[in-house]
All heavy atoms as atom14 arrays in JSON, in Angstrom:
{
  "sequence": "VAGIKTSGESNIKWDDDTPFNDGDPNKGYDKFKRFDYGGNLLAGIE",
  "atom14_mask": [
    [1, 1, 1, 1, 1, 1, 1, 0, 0, 0, 0, 0, 0, 0],
    [1, 1, 1, 1, 1, 0, 0, 0, 0, 0, 0, 0, 0, 0],
    [1, 1, 1, 1, 0, 0, 0, 0, 0, 0, 0, 0, 0, 0],
    [1, 1, 1, 1, 1, 1, 1, 1, 0, 0, 0, 0, 0, 0],
    [1, 1, 1, 1, 1, 1, 1, 1, 1, 0, 0, 0, 0, 0],
    [1, 1, 1, 1, 1, 1, 1, 0, 0, 0, 0, 0, 0, 0],
    [1, 1, 1, 1, 1, 1, 0, 0, 0, 0, 0, 0, 0, 0],
    [1, 1, 1, 1, 0, 0, 0, 0, 0, 0, 0, 0, 0, 0],
    [1, 1, 1, 1, 1, 1, 1, 1, 1, 0, 0, 0, 0, 0],
    [1, 1, 1, 1, 1, 1, 0, 0, 0, 0, 0, 0, 0, 0],
    [1, 1, 1, 1, 1, 1, 1, 1, 0, 0, 0, 0, 0, 0],
    [1, 1, 1, 1, 1, 1, 1, 1, 0, 0, 0, 0, 0, 0],
    [1, 1, 1, 1, 1, 1, 1, 1, 1, 0, 0, 0, 0, 0],
    [1, 1, 1, 1, 1, 1, 1, 1, 1, 1, 1, 1, 1, 1],
    [1, 1, 1, 1, 1, 1, 1, 1, 0, 0, 0, 0, 0, 0],
    [1, 1, 1, 1, 1, 1, 1, 1, 0, 0, 0, 0, 0, 0],
    [1, 1, 1, 1, 1, 1, 1, 1, 0, 0, 0, 0, 0, 0],
    [1, 1, 1, 1, 1, 1, 1, 0, 0, 0, 0, 0, 0, 0],
    [1, 1, 1, 1, 1, 1, 1, 0, 0, 0, 0, 0, 0, 0],
    [1, 1, 1, 1, 1, 1, 1, 1, 1, 1, 1, 0, 0, 0],
    [1, 1, 1, 1, 1, 1, 1, 1, 0, 0, 0, 0, 0, 0],
    [1, 1, 1, 1, 1, 1, 1, 1, 0, 0, 0, 0, 0, 0],
    [1, 1, 1, 1, 0, 0, 0, 0, 0, 0, 0, 0, 0, 0],
    [1, 1, 1, 1, 1, 1, 1, 1, 0, 0, 0, 0, 0, 0],
    [1, 1, 1, 1, 1, 1, 1, 0, 0, 0, 0, 0, 0, 0],
    [1, 1, 1, 1, 1, 1, 1, 1, 0, 0, 0, 0, 0, 0],
    [1, 1, 1, 1, 1, 1, 1, 1, 1, 0, 0, 0, 0, 0],
    [1, 1, 1, 1, 0, 0, 0, 0, 0, 0, 0, 0, 0, 0],
    [1, 1, 1, 1, 1, 1, 1, 1, 1, 1, 1, 1, 0, 0],
    [1, 1, 1, 1, 1, 1, 1, 1, 0, 0, 0, 0, 0, 0],
    [1, 1, 1, 1, 1, 1, 1, 1, 1, 0, 0, 0, 0, 0],
    [1, 1, 1, 1, 1, 1, 1, 1, 1, 1, 1, 0, 0, 0],
    [1, 1, 1, 1, 1, 1, 1, 1, 1, 0, 0, 0, 0, 0],
    [1, 1, 1, 1, 1, 1, 1, 1, 1, 1, 1, 0, 0, 0],
    [1, 1, 1, 1, 1, 1, 1, 1, 1, 1, 1, 0, 0, 0],
    [1, 1, 1, 1, 1, 1, 1, 1, 0, 0, 0, 0, 0, 0],
    [1, 1, 1, 1, 1, 1, 1, 1, 1, 1, 1, 1, 0, 0],
    [1, 1, 1, 1, 0, 0, 0, 0, 0, 0, 0, 0, 0, 0],
    [1, 1, 1, 1, 0, 0, 0, 0, 0, 0, 0, 0, 0, 0],
    [1, 1, 1, 1, 1, 1, 1, 1, 0, 0, 0, 0, 0, 0],
    [1, 1, 1, 1, 1, 1, 1, 1, 0, 0, 0, 0, 0, 0],
    [1, 1, 1, 1, 1, 1, 1, 1, 0, 0, 0, 0, 0, 0],
    [1, 1, 1, 1, 1, 0, 0, 0, 0, 0, 0, 0, 0, 0],
    [1, 1, 1, 1, 0, 0, 0, 0, 0, 0, 0, 0, 0, 0],
    [1, 1, 1, 1, 1, 1, 1, 1, 0, 0, 0, 0, 0, 0],
    [1, 1, 1, 1, 1, 1, 1, 1, 1, 0, 0, 0, 0, 0]
  ],
  "atom14_positions": [
    [[-10.24, -27.6, 23.75], [-9.02, -27.66, 24.55], [-9.13, -28.86, 25.47], [-10.06, -28.93, 26.31], [-8.82, -26.37, 25.38], [-7.54, -26.49, 26.22], [-8.75, -25.16, 24.46], [0.0, 0.0, 0.0], [0.0, 0.0, 0.0], [0.0, 0.0, 0.0], [0.0, 0.0, 0.0], [0.0, 0.0, 0.0], [0.0, 0.0, 0.0], [0.0, 0.0, 0.0]],
    [[-8.22, -29.8, 25.28], [-8.24, -31.04, 26.06], [-9.6, -31.72, 25.99], [-10.11, -32.26, 26.98], [-7.84, -30.77, 27.51], [0.0, 0.0, 0.0], [0.0, 0.0, 0.0], [0.0, 0.0, 0.0], [0.0, 0.0, 0.0], [0.0, 0.0, 0.0], [0.0, 0.0, 0.0], [0.0, 0.0, 0.0], [0.0, 0.0, 0.0], [0.0, 0.0, 0.0]],
    [[-10.22, -31.66, 24.8], [-11.5, -32.31, 24.59], [-12.72, -31.52, 25.02], [-13.85, -31.95, 24.81], [0.0, 0.0, 0.0], [0.0, 0.0, 0.0], [0.0, 0.0, 0.0], [0.0, 0.0, 0.0], [0.0, 0.0, 0.0], [0.0, 0.0, 0.0], [0.0, 0.0, 0.0], [0.0, 0.0, 0.0], [0.0, 0.0, 0.0], [0.0, 0.0, 0.0]],
    [[-12.51, -30.34, 25.64], [-13.63, -29.51, 26.09], [-13.93, -28.46, 25.02], [-13.06, -27.66, 24.68], [-13.31, -28.84, 27.44], [-13.05, -29.91, 28.51], [-14.47, -27.94, 27.87], [-12.59, -29.34, 29.82], [0.0, 0.0, 0.0], [0.0, 0.0, 0.0], [0.0, 0.0, 0.0], [0.0, 0.0, 0.0], [0.0, 0.0, 0.0], [0.0, 0.0, 0.0]],
    [[-15.17, -28.45, 24.54], [-15.54, -27.57, 23.43], [-16.25, -26.31, 23.92], [-17.07, -26.38, 24.83], [-16.45, -28.31, 22.45], [-15.78, -29.49, 21.76], [-16.7, -30.12, 20.72], [-15.99, -31.27, 20.0], [-16.84, -31.87, 18.94], [0.0, 0.0, 0.0], [0.0, 0.0, 0.0], [0.0, 0.0, 0.0], [0.0, 0.0, 0.0], [0.0, 0.0, 0.0]],
    [[-15.92, -25.19, 23.31], [-16.62, -23.93, 23.55], [-16.84, -23.24, 22.21], [-16.12, -23.5, 21.23], [-15.82, -22.99, 24.47], [-14.55, -22.69, 23.84], [-15.57, -23.63, 25.83], [0.0, 0.0, 0.0], [0.0, 0.0, 0.0], [0.0, 0.0, 0.0], [0.0, 0.0, 0.0], [0.0, 0.0, 0.0], [0.0, 0.0, 0.0], [0.0, 0.0, 0.0]],
    [[-17.83, -22.37, 22.15], [-18.11, -21.63, 20.92], [-18.83, -20.35, 21.27], [-19.35, -20.17, 22.37], [-18.94, -22.47, 19.96], [-20.21, -22.76, 20.52], [0.0, 0.0, 0.0], [0.0, 0.0, 0.0], [0.0, 0.0, 0.0], [0.0, 0.0, 0.0], [0.0, 0.0, 0.0], [0.0, 0.0, 0.0], [0.0, 0.0, 0.0], [0.0, 0.0, 0.0]],
    [[-18.86, -19.43, 20.31], [-19.56, -18.17, 20.52], [-19.56, -17.33, 19.26], [-18.99, -17.71, 18.24], [0.0, 0.0, 0.0], [0.0, 0.0, 0.0], [0.0, 0.0, 0.0], [0.0, 0.0, 0.0], [0.0, 0.0, 0.0], [0.0, 0.0, 0.0], [0.0, 0.0, 0.0], [0.0, 0.0, 0.0], [0.0, 0.0, 0.0], [0.0, 0.0, 0.0]],
    [[-20.23, -16.2, 19.33], [-20.27, -15.29, 18.19], [-20.54, -13.87, 18.68], [-21.03, -13.66, 19.8], [-21.34, -15.7, 17.19], [-22.76, -15.64, 17.73], [-23.79, -16.04, 16.68], [-23.56, -17.05, 15.96], [-24.81, -15.34, 16.57], [0.0, 0.0, 0.0], [0.0, 0.0, 0.0], [0.0, 0.0, 0.0], [0.0, 0.0, 0.0], [0.0, 0.0, 0.0]],
    [[-20.2, -12.91, 17.83], [-20.48, -11.5, 18.13], [-20.74, -10.78, 16.82], [-20.27, -11.2, 15.75], [-19.3, -10.85, 18.86], [-18.14, -10.86, 18.04], [0.0, 0.0, 0.0], [0.0, 0.0, 0.0], [0.0, 0.0, 0.0], [0.0, 0.0, 0.0], [0.0, 0.0, 0.0], [0.0, 0.0, 0.0], [0.0, 0.0, 0.0], [0.0, 0.0, 0.0]],
    [[-21.49, -9.7, 16.88], [-21.74, -8.89, 15.69], [-20.48, -8.15, 15.28], [-19.69, -7.7, 16.12], [-22.84, -7.87, 15.97], [-24.19, -8.52, 16.17], [-24.48, -9.58, 15.6], [-25.03, -7.91, 17.0], [0.0, 0.0, 0.0], [0.0, 0.0, 0.0], [0.0, 0.0, 0.0], [0.0, 0.0, 0.0], [0.0, 0.0, 0.0], [0.0, 0.0, 0.0]],
    [[-20.27, -8.04, 13.98], [-19.15, -7.27, 13.47], [-19.34, -5.79, 13.81], [-20.45, -5.26, 13.7], [-19.0, -7.47, 11.95], [-18.37, -8.85, 11.7], [-18.18, -6.37, 11.3], [-18.21, -9.19, 10.25], [0.0, 0.0, 0.0], [0.0, 0.0, 0.0], [0.0, 0.0, 0.0], [0.0, 0.0, 0.0], [0.0, 0.0, 0.0], [0.0, 0.0, 0.0]],
    [[-18.28, -5.15, 14.24], [-18.31, -3.72, 14.54], [-17.84, -2.95, 13.31], [-16.89, -3.33, 12.64], [-17.39, -3.4, 15.72], [-17.78, -4.09, 17.03], [-16.76, -3.75, 18.12], [-17.09, -4.46, 19.43], [-16.06, -4.17, 20.46], [0.0, 0.0, 0.0], [0.0, 0.0, 0.0], [0.0, 0.0, 0.0], [0.0, 0.0, 0.0], [0.0, 0.0, 0.0]],
    [[-18.52, -1.84, 13.04], [-18.18, -0.98, 11.9], [-17.75, 0.38, 12.41], [-18.29, 0.89, 13.39], [-19.39, -0.81, 10.99], [-19.91, -2.1, 10.43], [-20.91, -2.88, 10.94], [-19.44, -2.79, 9.26], [-21.1, -3.99, 10.16], [-20.21, -3.96, 9.12], [-18.44, -2.51, 8.32], [-20.03, -4.87, 8.08], [-18.26, -3.41, 7.28], [-19.04, -4.57, 7.16]],
    [[-16.79, 0.98, 11.72], [-16.29, 2.28, 12.19], [-17.01, 3.46, 11.54], [-16.68, 4.61, 11.78], [-14.78, 2.4, 12.0], [-14.36, 2.68, 10.56], [-15.23, 2.68, 9.66], [-13.17, 2.91, 10.32], [0.0, 0.0, 0.0], [0.0, 0.0, 0.0], [0.0, 0.0, 0.0], [0.0, 0.0, 0.0], [0.0, 0.0, 0.0], [0.0, 0.0, 0.0]],
    [[-18.03, 3.15, 10.69], [-18.86, 4.2, 10.09], [-18.05, 5.22, 9.31], [-18.38, 6.41, 9.26], [-19.72, 4.92, 11.13], [-20.75, 3.98, 11.73], [-21.34, 3.19, 10.96], [-20.96, 4.02, 12.95], [0.0, 0.0, 0.0], [0.0, 0.0, 0.0], [0.0, 0.0, 0.0], [0.0, 0.0, 0.0], [0.0, 0.0, 0.0], [0.0, 0.0, 0.0]],
    [[-16.98, 4.76, 8.68], [-16.19, 5.65, 7.83], [-16.97, 5.95, 6.56], [-17.93, 5.27, 6.21], [-14.85, 5.02, 7.46], [-15.01, 3.84, 6.5], [-15.87, 2.99, 6.77], [-14.29, 3.78, 5.51], [0.0, 0.0, 0.0], [0.0, 0.0, 0.0], [0.0, 0.0, 0.0], [0.0, 0.0, 0.0], [0.0, 0.0, 0.0], [0.0, 0.0, 0.0]],
    [[-16.56, 6.96, 5.85], [-17.04, 7.24, 4.5], [-15.82, 7.54, 3.65], [-14.73, 7.78, 4.18], [-17.99, 8.46, 4.46], [-17.21, 9.65, 4.66], [-19.06, 8.37, 5.54], [0.0, 0.0, 0.0], [0.0, 0.0, 0.0], [0.0, 0.0, 0.0], [0.0, 0.0, 0.0], [0.0, 0.0, 0.0], [0.0, 0.0, 0.0], [0.0, 0.0, 0.0]],
    [[-15.96, 7.55, 2.33], [-14.8, 7.85, 1.49], [-14.27, 9.26, 1.7], [-13.17, 9.58, 1.26], [-15.34, 7.69, 0.07], [-16.56, 6.86, 0.2], [-17.13, 7.18, 1.54], [0.0, 0.0, 0.0], [0.0, 0.0, 0.0], [0.0, 0.0, 0.0], [0.0, 0.0, 0.0], [0.0, 0.0, 0.0], [0.0, 0.0, 0.0], [0.0, 0.0, 0.0]],
    [[-15.02, 10.11, 2.37], [-14.64, 11.52, 2.48], [-14.32, 11.92, 3.92], [-14.19, 13.09, 4.23], [-15.77, 12.41, 1.95], [-16.33, 11.92, 0.65], [-17.55, 11.27, 0.6], [-15.6, 12.06, -0.53], [-18.07, 10.79, -0.6], [-16.11, 11.59, -1.73], [-17.34, 10.96, -1.76], [0.0, 0.0, 0.0], [0.0, 0.0, 0.0], [0.0, 0.0, 0.0]],
    [[-14.21, 10.94, 4.82], [-13.99, 11.25, 6.23], [-12.74, 10.54, 6.73], [-12.76, 9.36, 7.06], [-15.21, 10.82, 7.05], [-15.04, 11.12, 8.53], [-14.13, 11.86, 8.91], [-15.9, 10.55, 9.36], [0.0, 0.0, 0.0], [0.0, 0.0, 0.0], [0.0, 0.0, 0.0], [0.0, 0.0, 0.0], [0.0, 0.0, 0.0], [0.0, 0.0, 0.0]],
    [[-11.62, 11.26, 6.79], [-10.37, 10.69, 7.27], [-10.18, 10.9, 8.76], [-9.24, 10.39, 9.35], [-9.17, 11.29, 6.51], [-9.16, 10.88, 5.05], [-9.63, 9.76, 4.76], [-8.72, 11.68, 4.21], [0.0, 0.0, 0.0], [0.0, 0.0, 0.0], [0.0, 0.0, 0.0], [0.0, 0.0, 0.0], [0.0, 0.0, 0.0], [0.0, 0.0, 0.0]],
    [[-11.04, 11.69, 9.39], [-10.87, 12.0, 10.8], [-11.87, 11.3, 11.69], [-12.27, 11.83, 12.72], [0.0, 0.0, 0.0], [0.0, 0.0, 0.0], [0.0, 0.0, 0.0], [0.0, 0.0, 0.0], [0.0, 0.0, 0.0], [0.0, 0.0, 0.0], [0.0, 0.0, 0.0], [0.0, 0.0, 0.0], [0.0, 0.0, 0.0], [0.0, 0.0, 0.0]],
    [[-12.27, 10.09, 11.31], [-13.28, 9.36, 12.05], [-12.76, 9.01, 13.45], [-11.78, 8.28, 13.59], [-13.62, 8.08, 11.28], [-14.73, 7.28, 11.92], [-15.27, 7.73, 12.95], [-15.03, 6.2, 11.4], [0.0, 0.0, 0.0], [0.0, 0.0, 0.0], [0.0, 0.0, 0.0], [0.0, 0.0, 0.0], [0.0, 0.0, 0.0], [0.0, 0.0, 0.0]],
    [[-13.42, 9.47, 14.52], [-12.95, 9.16, 15.87], [-13.3, 7.75, 16.32], [-12.88, 7.31, 17.38], [-13.7, 10.19, 16.73], [-14.97, 10.44, 15.98], [-14.58, 10.37, 14.52], [0.0, 0.0, 0.0], [0.0, 0.0, 0.0], [0.0, 0.0, 0.0], [0.0, 0.0, 0.0], [0.0, 0.0, 0.0], [0.0, 0.0, 0.0], [0.0, 0.0, 0.0]],
    [[-14.05, 7.02, 15.49], [-14.52, 5.69, 15.85], [-13.59, 4.59, 15.35], [-13.93, 3.41, 15.4], [-15.93, 5.48, 15.26], [-16.63, 4.28, 15.89], [-16.45, 4.01, 17.07], [-17.42, 3.58, 15.09], [0.0, 0.0, 0.0], [0.0, 0.0, 0.0], [0.0, 0.0, 0.0], [0.0, 0.0, 0.0], [0.0, 0.0, 0.0], [0.0, 0.0, 0.0]],
    [[-12.41, 4.94, 14.85], [-11.5, 3.95, 14.29], [-11.0, 2.99, 15.37], [-10.83, 3.36, 16.52], [-10.3, 4.64, 13.63], [-10.62, 5.29, 12.3], [-9.37, 5.88, 11.69], [-9.66, 6.51, 10.33], [-8.45, 7.09, 9.71], [0.0, 0.0, 0.0], [0.0, 0.0, 0.0], [0.0, 0.0, 0.0], [0.0, 0.0, 0.0], [0.0, 0.0, 0.0]],
    [[-10.71, 1.76, 14.95], [-10.15, 0.77, 15.85], [-9.85, -0.5, 15.1], [-10.6, -0.89, 14.21], [0.0, 0.0, 0.0], [0.0, 0.0, 0.0], [0.0, 0.0, 0.0], [0.0, 0.0, 0.0], [0.0, 0.0, 0.0], [0.0, 0.0, 0.0], [0.0, 0.0, 0.0], [0.0, 0.0, 0.0], [0.0, 0.0, 0.0], [0.0, 0.0, 0.0]],
    [[-8.76, -1.18, 15.45], [-8.35, -2.37, 14.71], [-9.32, -3.53, 14.89], [-9.23, -4.52, 14.17], [-6.94, -2.78, 15.15], [-5.87, -1.9, 14.59], [-5.36, -0.84, 15.34], [-5.37, -2.1, 13.31], [-4.37, -0.01, 14.82], [-4.38, -1.28, 12.78], [-3.89, -0.23, 13.55], [-2.92, 0.6, 13.04], [0.0, 0.0, 0.0], [0.0, 0.0, 0.0]],
    [[-10.26, -3.44, 15.84], [-11.25, -4.49, 16.01], [-12.52, -4.2, 15.21], [-13.52, -4.88, 15.38], [-11.6, -4.65, 17.48], [-12.24, -3.39, 18.07], [-11.98, -2.3, 17.53], [-12.97, -3.52, 19.07], [0.0, 0.0, 0.0], [0.0, 0.0, 0.0], [0.0, 0.0, 0.0], [0.0, 0.0, 0.0], [0.0, 0.0, 0.0], [0.0, 0.0, 0.0]],
    [[-12.46, -3.22, 14.32], [-13.63, -2.82, 13.54], [-13.35, -2.88, 12.04], [-12.21, -2.75, 11.61], [-14.07, -1.41, 13.93], [-14.45, -1.27, 15.39], [-14.72, 0.17, 15.76], [-15.02, 0.3, 17.26], [-15.2, 1.7, 17.66], [0.0, 0.0, 0.0], [0.0, 0.0, 0.0], [0.0, 0.0, 0.0], [0.0, 0.0, 0.0], [0.0, 0.0, 0.0]],
    [[-14.42, -3.05, 11.28], [-14.33, -3.02, 9.82], [-14.67, -1.63, 9.31], [-15.56, -0.97, 9.85], [-15.3, -4.03, 9.21], [-14.77, -5.42, 9.11], [-14.48, -6.15, 10.25], [-14.56, -6.01, 7.88], [-14.0, -7.44, 10.17], [-14.07, -7.3, 7.78], [-13.79, -8.02, 8.92], [0.0, 0.0, 0.0], [0.0, 0.0, 0.0], [0.0, 0.0, 0.0]],
    [[-14.01, -1.22, 8.24], [-14.41, -0.01, 7.55], [-15.78, -0.24, 6.91], [-16.02, -1.28, 6.31], [-13.4, 0.37, 6.47], [-12.03, 0.75, 7.01], [-11.12, 1.11, 5.86], [-9.73, 1.5, 6.36], [-8.83, 1.84, 5.24], [0.0, 0.0, 0.0], [0.0, 0.0, 0.0], [0.0, 0.0, 0.0], [0.0, 0.0, 0.0], [0.0, 0.0, 0.0]],
    [[-16.65, 0.72, 7.04], [-17.99, 0.58, 6.5], [-17.98, 0.55, 4.97], [-18.76, -0.15, 4.34], [-18.85, 1.75, 6.97], [-20.29, 1.71, 6.52], [-21.13, 0.74, 7.28], [-21.4, 1.16, 8.64], [-22.21, 0.51, 9.47], [-22.82, -0.6, 9.08], [-22.41, 0.95, 10.71], [0.0, 0.0, 0.0], [0.0, 0.0, 0.0], [0.0, 0.0, 0.0]],
    [[-17.06, 1.3, 4.35], [-17.04, 1.45, 2.9], [-15.94, 0.59, 2.29], [-14.8, 0.58, 2.77], [-16.81, 2.91, 2.53], [-16.82, 3.19, 1.06], [-18.01, 3.25, 0.35], [-15.64, 3.4, 0.37], [-18.02, 3.51, -1.02], [-15.63, 3.66, -0.98], [-16.82, 3.71, -1.68], [0.0, 0.0, 0.0], [0.0, 0.0, 0.0], [0.0, 0.0, 0.0]],
    [[-16.27, -0.15, 1.22], [-15.3, -0.95, 0.48], [-15.47, -0.65, -1.01], [-16.56, -0.26, -1.46], [-15.52, -2.44, 0.74], [-14.47, -3.31, 0.09], [-13.29, -2.89, 0.04], [-14.81, -4.41, -0.39], [0.0, 0.0, 0.0], [0.0, 0.0, 0.0], [0.0, 0.0, 0.0], [0.0, 0.0, 0.0], [0.0, 0.0, 0.0], [0.0, 0.0, 0.0]],
    [[-14.42, -0.84, -1.77], [-14.48, -0.59, -3.21], [-13.44, -1.45, -3.9], [-12.48, -1.93, -3.27], [-14.22, 0.9, -3.51], [-12.84, 1.38, -3.12], [-11.83, 1.47, -4.06], [-12.54, 1.72, -1.79], [-10.55, 1.91, -3.71], [-11.28, 2.15, -1.43], [-10.28, 2.23, -2.4], [-9.03, 2.65, -2.03], [0.0, 0.0, 0.0], [0.0, 0.0, 0.0]],
    [[-13.62, -1.66, -5.2], [-12.68, -2.49, -5.94], [-13.12, -2.66, -7.38], [-13.86, -1.84, -7.93], [0.0, 0.0, 0.0], [0.0, 0.0, 0.0], [0.0, 0.0, 0.0], [0.0, 0.0, 0.0], [0.0, 0.0, 0.0], [0.0, 0.0, 0.0], [0.0, 0.0, 0.0], [0.0, 0.0, 0.0], [0.0, 0.0, 0.0], [0.0, 0.0, 0.0]],
    [[-12.66, -3.76, -7.99], [-12.97, -4.05, -9.38], [-13.38, -5.49, -9.57], [-13.03, -6.37, -8.76], [0.0, 0.0, 0.0], [0.0, 0.0, 0.0], [0.0, 0.0, 0.0], [0.0, 0.0, 0.0], [0.0, 0.0, 0.0], [0.0, 0.0, 0.0], [0.0, 0.0, 0.0], [0.0, 0.0, 0.0], [0.0, 0.0, 0.0], [0.0, 0.0, 0.0]],
    [[-14.14, -5.76, -10.64], [-14.61, -7.1, -10.96], [-14.12, -7.53, -12.34], [-14.04, -6.71, -13.26], [-16.15, -7.15, -10.98], [-16.76, -6.94, -9.62], [-16.29, -7.51, -8.63], [-17.81, -6.13, -9.56], [0.0, 0.0, 0.0], [0.0, 0.0, 0.0], [0.0, 0.0, 0.0], [0.0, 0.0, 0.0], [0.0, 0.0, 0.0], [0.0, 0.0, 0.0]],
    [[-13.84, -8.82, -12.48], [-13.65, -9.47, -13.76], [-14.65, -10.61, -13.83], [-14.79, -11.37, -12.87], [-12.23, -10.02, -13.9], [-11.08, -9.0, -13.86], [-9.74, -9.74, -13.82], [-11.14, -8.09, -15.08], [0.0, 0.0, 0.0], [0.0, 0.0, 0.0], [0.0, 0.0, 0.0], [0.0, 0.0, 0.0], [0.0, 0.0, 0.0], [0.0, 0.0, 0.0]],
    [[-15.37, -10.74, -14.95], [-16.38, -11.78, -15.03], [-16.44, -12.4, -16.41], [-16.02, -11.8, -17.41], [-17.75, -11.24, -14.64], [-18.44, -10.23, -15.55], [-19.95, -10.32, -15.4], [-17.98, -8.8, -15.22], [0.0, 0.0, 0.0], [0.0, 0.0, 0.0], [0.0, 0.0, 0.0], [0.0, 0.0, 0.0], [0.0, 0.0, 0.0], [0.0, 0.0, 0.0]],
    [[-16.97, -13.62, -16.45], [-17.16, -14.34, -17.7], [-18.35, -15.27, -17.51], [-18.67, -15.69, -16.39], [-15.92, -15.14, -18.06], [0.0, 0.0, 0.0], [0.0, 0.0, 0.0], [0.0, 0.0, 0.0], [0.0, 0.0, 0.0], [0.0, 0.0, 0.0], [0.0, 0.0, 0.0], [0.0, 0.0, 0.0], [0.0, 0.0, 0.0], [0.0, 0.0, 0.0]],
    [[-19.01, -15.6, -18.62], [-20.14, -16.49, -18.5], [-20.82, -16.74, -19.82], [-20.27, -16.45, -20.9], [0.0, 0.0, 0.0], [0.0, 0.0, 0.0], [0.0, 0.0, 0.0], [0.0, 0.0, 0.0], [0.0, 0.0, 0.0], [0.0, 0.0, 0.0], [0.0, 0.0, 0.0], [0.0, 0.0, 0.0], [0.0, 0.0, 0.0], [0.0, 0.0, 0.0]],
    [[-22.03, -17.26, -19.75], [-22.8, -17.6, -20.93], [-24.27, -17.27, -20.7], [-24.79, -17.48, -19.6], [-22.61, -19.09, -21.3], [-23.32, -19.42, -22.63], [-23.08, -20.0, -20.18], [-22.94, -20.79, -23.17], [0.0, 0.0, 0.0], [0.0, 0.0, 0.0], [0.0, 0.0, 0.0], [0.0, 0.0, 0.0], [0.0, 0.0, 0.0], [0.0, 0.0, 0.0]],
    [[-24.91, -16.71, -21.7], [-26.35, -16.47, -21.71], [-26.99, -17.48, -22.66], [-26.5, -17.7, -23.76], [-26.69, -15.08, -22.23], [-26.24, -13.93, -21.36], [-26.67, -12.59, -21.95], [-27.26, -12.58, -23.06], [-26.4, -11.56, -21.33], [0.0, 0.0, 0.0], [0.0, 0.0, 0.0], [0.0, 0.0, 0.0], [0.0, 0.0, 0.0], [0.0, 0.0, 0.0]]
  ]
}
């Protein structure tokens, strides 16, 4: 800002959810869900 530099970091916060717990009291928009899931597509050569 106007040539003055600042920087910092913080650890990511986790809400300790599980796939079976919808009533987690630790929820918050500044936190990541502990559990993630999805699908993969891959290609390559051996």
